[in-house]
Amino acid sequence: MSALLWLKVILVIAFVTWLFSAAGYFIFGIPGLIGAQVLSVAVHSWMYLYGDELVLRWYRARILPRRDYASIYEIAERLASHAGIPTPDLALIPTGTPDVFSTGGNQKRSVIVLTHGILHTLEPDELEAVMSHEIAHILSGETPIQTLAVVMAGSVVGFSYWLDALIHPSDSVGRGAGDYRGSLMLTAPIAAGILHFVLGRELEYRADAMAAEISGRPLSLASAILKMERAISFRPMKCGNLAAAPLFIVNPYRGEFADLVSTHPRTEKRVERLMKLAEETGAYS
């Protein structure tokens, strides 16, 4: 599956490079063509190497010190050991919206990013279940692909934020990730096209199933997803980049553009599958 995802990413990069090359050739001739190709290779290489750091900056996430969050690190160590991967770092987003995602270039350089809200919303067994979902993404090799796809799409959305702030500088202070309606009407469909082509609902279904196997807690995962979905409906995320929604276990944003870029399955379907899995495996948590 990861090979197919990488193929999709390569096709997107090739298409973007072709567009830039065509524009460069049309405007500047052969020098423009060569310059556009060199620039495209440089930009996409940077995205692959440092995309995870960019995502962390989008959300002002900071790495958690082990001495202050020993119990959460113990959960991460236990799950990573069971999955046979190195223990990922943990980071915190200073927002009350309960959610979690993983990012990183590979299994040795991965981070599970939790929000402040999730630490105060979920029970310990539910927190373990959602962290096992992120461990599943890391184990399957999907995390760097998801990160690269999100950074490519996020750069498109980020351009709209910049353009809107340039046109309406007095209105830009205090606005959330979904408040740039005018410019998002142009860029959100492009970002959504990238995300839906590369990523998809099956990634989340598969990570849910793997998480249930890693933690042995399919019912806790179902309960956690329902809790987060309800909490987010009352307190959606206002920070970060709208295009990063597919990274999260539950879409933290609300609104028409948030729905457009989301690649998550319906919560009811995820819970239904997890309940069925619990019944088949005899799991009681």
Protein backbone atom coordinates (compact mmCIF):
# COMPACT_ATOMS: atom_id res chain seq x y z
CA MET A 1 0.00 0.00 0.00
CA SER A 2 2.79 2.47 0.87
CA ALA A 3 4.31 1.86 -2.59
CA LEU A 4 1.02 2.92 -4.20
CA LEU A 5 0.89 6.01 -2.00
CA TRP A 6 4.43 6.97 -2.98
CA LEU A 7 3.49 6.53 -6.64
CA LYS A 8 0.59 8.93 -6.17
CA VAL A 9 2.87 11.47 -4.48
CA ILE A 10 5.37 11.20 -7.34
CA LEU A 11 2.57 11.75 -9.87
CA VAL A 12 1.45 14.89 -8.03
CA ILE A 13 5.03 16.20 -7.91
CA ALA A 14 5.44 15.44 -11.62
CA PHE A 15 2.22 17.29 -12.45
CA VAL A 16 3.19 20.34 -10.39
CA THR A 17 6.66 20.34 -11.95
CA TRP A 18 5.08 20.16 -15.41
CA LEU A 19 2.83 23.13 -14.64
CA PHE A 20 5.74 25.24 -13.37
CA SER A 21 7.91 24.18 -16.30
CA ALA A 22 5.20 25.08 -18.81
CA ALA A 23 4.70 28.47 -17.16
CA GLY A 24 8.46 29.08 -17.04
CA TYR A 25 8.88 28.17 -20.70
CA PHE A 26 5.90 30.29 -21.76
CA ILE A 27 7.23 33.37 -19.95
CA PHE A 28 11.03 33.05 -20.17
CA GLY A 29 11.69 30.34 -22.76
CA ILE A 30 14.34 27.63 -22.20
CA PRO A 31 15.96 29.40 -19.18
CA GLY A 32 12.53 29.61 -17.54
CA LEU A 33 11.89 25.93 -18.20
CA ILE A 34 15.20 24.88 -16.62
CA GLY A 35 14.80 27.29 -13.71
CA ALA A 36 11.29 26.05 -12.95
CA GLN A 37 12.44 22.42 -12.95
CA VAL A 38 15.39 23.14 -10.65
CA LEU A 39 13.15 25.15 -8.32
CA SER A 40 10.53 22.40 -8.23
CA VAL A 41 13.10 19.74 -7.35
CA ALA A 42 14.57 21.96 -4.62
CA VAL A 43 11.18 22.83 -3.10
CA HIS A 44 9.85 19.27 -3.08
CA SER A 45 13.14 17.95 -1.67
CA TRP A 46 12.88 20.50 1.14
CA MET A 47 9.28 19.48 1.79
CA TYR A 48 10.30 15.84 2.10
CA LEU A 49 13.26 16.53 4.38
CA TYR A 50 11.73 19.22 6.60
CA GLY A 51 7.98 18.90 6.10
CA ASP A 52 7.45 17.47 9.58
CA GLU A 53 9.19 20.47 11.15
CA LEU A 54 6.98 22.80 9.11
CA VAL A 55 3.83 21.02 10.32
CA LEU A 56 4.97 21.38 13.93
CA ARG A 57 5.55 25.10 13.35
CA TRP A 58 2.08 25.49 11.85
CA TYR A 59 0.64 24.37 15.19
CA ARG A 60 3.31 25.87 17.48
CA ALA A 61 3.81 22.38 18.85
CA ARG A 62 6.63 21.83 21.32
CA ILE A 63 8.34 18.57 22.23
CA LEU A 64 7.19 17.40 25.66
CA PRO A 65 9.84 16.93 28.36
CA ARG A 66 9.82 13.36 29.59
CA ARG A 67 10.14 14.32 33.26
CA ASP A 68 6.82 16.21 33.15
CA TYR A 69 4.90 13.71 31.01
CA ALA A 70 6.37 10.38 32.12
CA SER A 71 3.03 8.55 32.11
CA ILE A 72 2.31 9.45 28.49
CA TYR A 73 5.82 8.49 27.42
CA GLU A 74 5.32 5.15 29.15
CA ILE A 75 2.23 4.57 27.02
CA ALA A 76 4.17 5.48 23.88
CA GLU A 77 7.05 3.18 24.83
CA ARG A 78 4.73 0.26 25.52
CA LEU A 79 2.82 0.65 22.26
CA ALA A 80 5.98 1.19 20.19
CA SER A 81 7.60 -1.88 21.75
CA HIS A 82 4.54 -3.96 20.91
CA ALA A 83 4.60 -2.67 17.34
CA GLY A 84 8.37 -3.19 17.01
CA ILE A 85 9.30 0.41 16.20
CA PRO A 86 11.41 3.06 17.99
CA THR A 87 9.51 5.12 20.54
CA PRO A 88 8.36 8.36 18.87
CA ASP A 89 8.80 11.77 20.44
CA LEU A 90 5.72 13.45 21.90
CA ALA A 91 4.69 17.03 21.22
CA LEU A 92 1.90 19.28 22.49
CA ILE A 93 -0.30 21.81 20.68
CA PRO A 94 -1.56 24.58 23.00
CA THR A 95 -5.25 24.32 22.08
CA GLY A 96 -8.30 23.04 23.90
CA THR A 97 -9.58 21.14 20.84
CA PRO A 98 -9.07 17.42 21.59
CA ASP A 99 -7.14 15.70 18.79
CA VAL A 100 -3.91 13.92 17.88
CA PHE A 101 -1.78 13.22 14.80
CA SER A 102 1.63 11.83 13.88
CA THR A 103 4.29 13.22 11.58
CA GLY A 104 7.90 12.50 10.67
CA GLY A 105 10.23 11.47 7.89
CA ASN A 106 10.59 7.84 8.97
CA GLN A 107 10.09 5.50 11.93
CA LYS A 108 13.25 6.76 13.64
CA ARG A 109 12.22 10.40 13.23
CA SER A 110 8.56 10.41 14.14
CA VAL A 111 6.45 12.47 16.52
CA ILE A 112 3.02 11.92 18.01
CA VAL A 113 1.44 15.33 18.45
CA LEU A 114 -1.27 15.69 21.09
CA THR A 115 -3.40 18.71 21.87
CA HIS A 116 -3.80 20.09 25.36
CA GLY A 117 -7.50 19.35 25.03
CA ILE A 118 -7.10 15.63 24.42
CA LEU A 119 -5.18 15.19 27.67
CA HIS A 120 -8.18 16.56 29.56
CA THR A 121 -10.93 14.91 27.50
CA LEU A 122 -10.02 11.23 27.22
CA GLU A 123 -9.69 8.54 29.84
CA PRO A 124 -6.29 6.77 30.08
CA ASP A 125 -7.50 3.72 28.11
CA GLU A 126 -8.91 5.99 25.38
CA LEU A 127 -5.68 7.98 25.19
CA GLU A 128 -3.75 4.73 24.78
CA ALA A 129 -6.14 3.68 22.01
CA VAL A 130 -5.75 6.88 19.97
CA MET A 131 -1.98 6.83 20.42
CA SER A 132 -1.98 3.27 19.08
CA HIS A 133 -3.77 4.61 15.99
CA GLU A 134 -0.85 6.98 15.38
CA ILE A 135 1.65 4.20 16.10
CA ALA A 136 -0.15 2.23 13.37
CA HIS A 137 0.42 5.03 10.84
CA ILE A 138 4.11 5.15 11.77
CA LEU A 139 4.46 1.35 11.60
CA SER A 140 2.84 1.14 8.17
CA GLY A 141 5.19 3.76 6.71
CA GLU A 142 2.32 6.12 5.88
CA THR A 143 3.42 9.01 8.10
CA PRO A 144 6.07 10.53 5.76
CA ILE A 145 3.68 10.19 2.80
CA GLN A 146 0.84 11.84 4.69
CA THR A 147 3.18 14.59 5.85
CA LEU A 148 4.48 15.31 2.35
CA ALA A 149 0.97 15.35 0.85
CA VAL A 150 -0.28 17.67 3.59
CA VAL A 151 2.69 20.02 3.21
CA MET A 152 2.15 20.22 -0.56
CA ALA A 153 -1.55 20.95 -0.08
CA GLY A 154 -0.83 23.18 2.91
CA SER A 155 1.52 25.32 0.85
CA VAL A 156 -1.36 26.00 -1.52
CA VAL A 157 -3.68 26.93 1.36
CA GLY A 158 -0.90 28.90 3.05
CA PHE A 159 -0.56 30.97 -0.10
CA SER A 160 -4.24 31.90 0.21
CA TYR A 161 -3.69 33.01 3.83
CA TRP A 162 -0.77 35.16 2.73
CA LEU A 163 -2.69 36.60 -0.22
CA ASP A 164 -5.73 37.41 1.90
CA ALA A 165 -3.59 39.05 4.60
CA LEU A 166 -1.86 41.11 1.90
CA ILE A 167 -5.17 42.31 0.47
CA HIS A 168 -6.91 42.78 3.84
CA PRO A 169 -4.11 43.47 6.36
CA SER A 170 -6.40 45.06 8.95
CA ASP A 171 -8.64 41.95 9.06
CA SER A 172 -5.92 39.31 9.39
CA VAL A 173 -5.32 39.54 13.15
CA GLY A 174 -7.11 36.89 15.17
CA ARG A 175 -8.58 35.02 12.23
CA GLY A 176 -8.79 31.25 12.29
CA ALA A 177 -7.66 28.66 9.78
CA GLY A 178 -11.10 28.53 8.16
CA ASP A 179 -11.84 32.29 8.07
CA TYR A 180 -10.19 33.21 4.77
CA ARG A 181 -13.27 32.48 2.69
CA GLY A 182 -12.49 34.58 -0.38
CA SER A 183 -9.02 33.22 -1.10
CA LEU A 184 -9.92 29.69 0.04
CA MET A 185 -12.59 29.51 -2.66
CA LEU A 186 -9.71 29.45 -5.14
CA THR A 187 -7.09 27.36 -3.34
CA ALA A 188 -9.08 24.89 -1.22
CA PRO A 189 -10.28 22.84 -4.23
CA ILE A 190 -6.67 22.51 -5.42
CA ALA A 191 -5.51 21.40 -1.97
CA ALA A 192 -8.46 19.02 -1.71
CA GLY A 193 -7.59 17.49 -5.07
CA ILE A 194 -4.05 16.72 -3.88
CA LEU A 195 -5.23 15.28 -0.56
CA HIS A 196 -8.02 13.12 -1.96
CA PHE A 197 -5.81 11.79 -4.75
CA VAL A 198 -2.93 10.77 -2.47
CA LEU A 199 -4.75 9.93 0.75
CA GLY A 200 -8.11 8.30 1.40
CA ARG A 201 -10.55 6.85 3.86
CA GLU A 202 -8.97 3.39 3.73
CA LEU A 203 -5.87 4.72 5.48
CA GLU A 204 -7.93 5.57 8.55
CA TYR A 205 -9.89 2.33 8.49
CA ARG A 206 -6.66 0.34 8.30
CA ALA A 207 -5.01 2.37 11.07
CA ASP A 208 -8.08 1.81 13.27
CA ALA A 209 -7.84 -1.95 12.75
CA MET A 210 -4.08 -1.98 13.39
CA ALA A 211 -4.56 0.18 16.49
CA ALA A 212 -7.07 -2.31 17.87
CA GLU A 213 -4.51 -5.07 17.38
CA ILE A 214 -1.64 -3.08 18.92
CA SER A 215 -3.50 -1.87 22.00
CA GLY A 216 -6.23 -4.51 22.23
CA ARG A 217 -8.72 -1.69 22.84
CA PRO A 218 -11.12 -1.32 19.87
CA LEU A 219 -14.00 -0.19 22.10
CA SER A 220 -11.82 2.44 23.79
CA LEU A 221 -10.81 3.73 20.36
CA ALA A 222 -14.46 3.92 19.28
CA SER A 223 -15.35 5.76 22.49
CA ALA A 224 -12.45 8.19 22.04
CA ILE A 225 -13.40 9.00 18.44
CA LEU A 226 -16.99 9.71 19.47
CA LYS A 227 -15.86 11.92 22.36
CA MET A 228 -13.52 13.93 20.15
CA GLU A 229 -16.13 14.30 17.41
CA ARG A 230 -18.66 15.71 19.88
CA ALA A 231 -16.13 18.01 21.56
CA ILE A 232 -14.84 19.36 18.23
CA SER A 233 -18.39 20.22 17.12
CA PHE A 234 -18.51 22.65 20.05
CA ARG A 235 -14.87 23.73 19.99
CA PRO A 236 -13.32 23.37 16.53
CA MET A 237 -9.67 24.18 15.98
CA LYS A 238 -8.81 27.74 14.99
CA CYS A 239 -5.05 27.41 14.57
CA GLY A 240 -2.76 25.68 12.10
CA ASN A 241 -3.35 24.96 8.43
CA LEU A 242 -6.67 23.70 7.07
CA ALA A 243 -4.92 21.31 4.68
CA ALA A 244 -3.39 19.42 7.62
CA ALA A 245 -6.82 18.08 8.63
CA PRO A 246 -6.12 14.59 7.15
CA LEU A 247 -3.21 14.12 9.57
CA PHE A 248 -5.50 14.20 12.60
CA ILE A 249 -7.36 11.14 13.86
CA VAL A 250 -10.58 13.23 13.71
CA ASN A 251 -11.02 16.30 11.50
CA PRO A 252 -10.50 19.19 13.98
CA TYR A 253 -11.96 21.87 11.70
CA ARG A 254 -15.55 22.72 10.85
CA GLY A 255 -17.12 24.48 7.87
CA GLU A 256 -17.53 23.89 4.16
CA PHE A 257 -13.82 24.16 3.37
CA ALA A 258 -12.94 21.85 6.26
CA ASP A 259 -15.29 19.24 4.81
CA LEU A 260 -13.73 19.73 1.38
CA VAL A 261 -10.16 18.89 2.46
CA SER A 262 -11.12 16.13 4.90
CA THR A 263 -10.26 12.55 3.94
CA HIS A 264 -11.78 11.00 7.08
CA PRO A 265 -14.48 8.33 6.93
CA ARG A 266 -17.76 9.09 8.66
CA THR A 267 -17.42 8.64 12.41
CA GLU A 268 -20.43 6.33 12.51
CA LYS A 269 -18.79 3.97 10.02
CA ARG A 270 -15.52 3.91 11.96
CA VAL A 271 -17.30 3.16 15.22
CA GLU A 272 -19.40 0.48 13.54
CA ARG A 273 -16.29 -1.26 12.22
CA LEU A 274 -14.54 -1.06 15.59
CA MET A 275 -17.58 -2.49 17.38
CA LYS A 276 -17.69 -5.36 14.91
CA LEU A 277 -13.96 -5.95 15.35
CA ALA A 278 -14.38 -6.04 19.14
CA GLU A 279 -17.14 -8.62 18.77
CA GLU A 280 -15.04 -10.77 16.45
CA THR A 281 -11.95 -10.68 18.67
CA GLY A 282 -13.74 -10.84 22.01
CA ALA A 283 -12.23 -7.54 23.17
CA TYR A 284 -13.94 -5.85 26.11
CA SER A 285 -12.16 -2.50 26.08
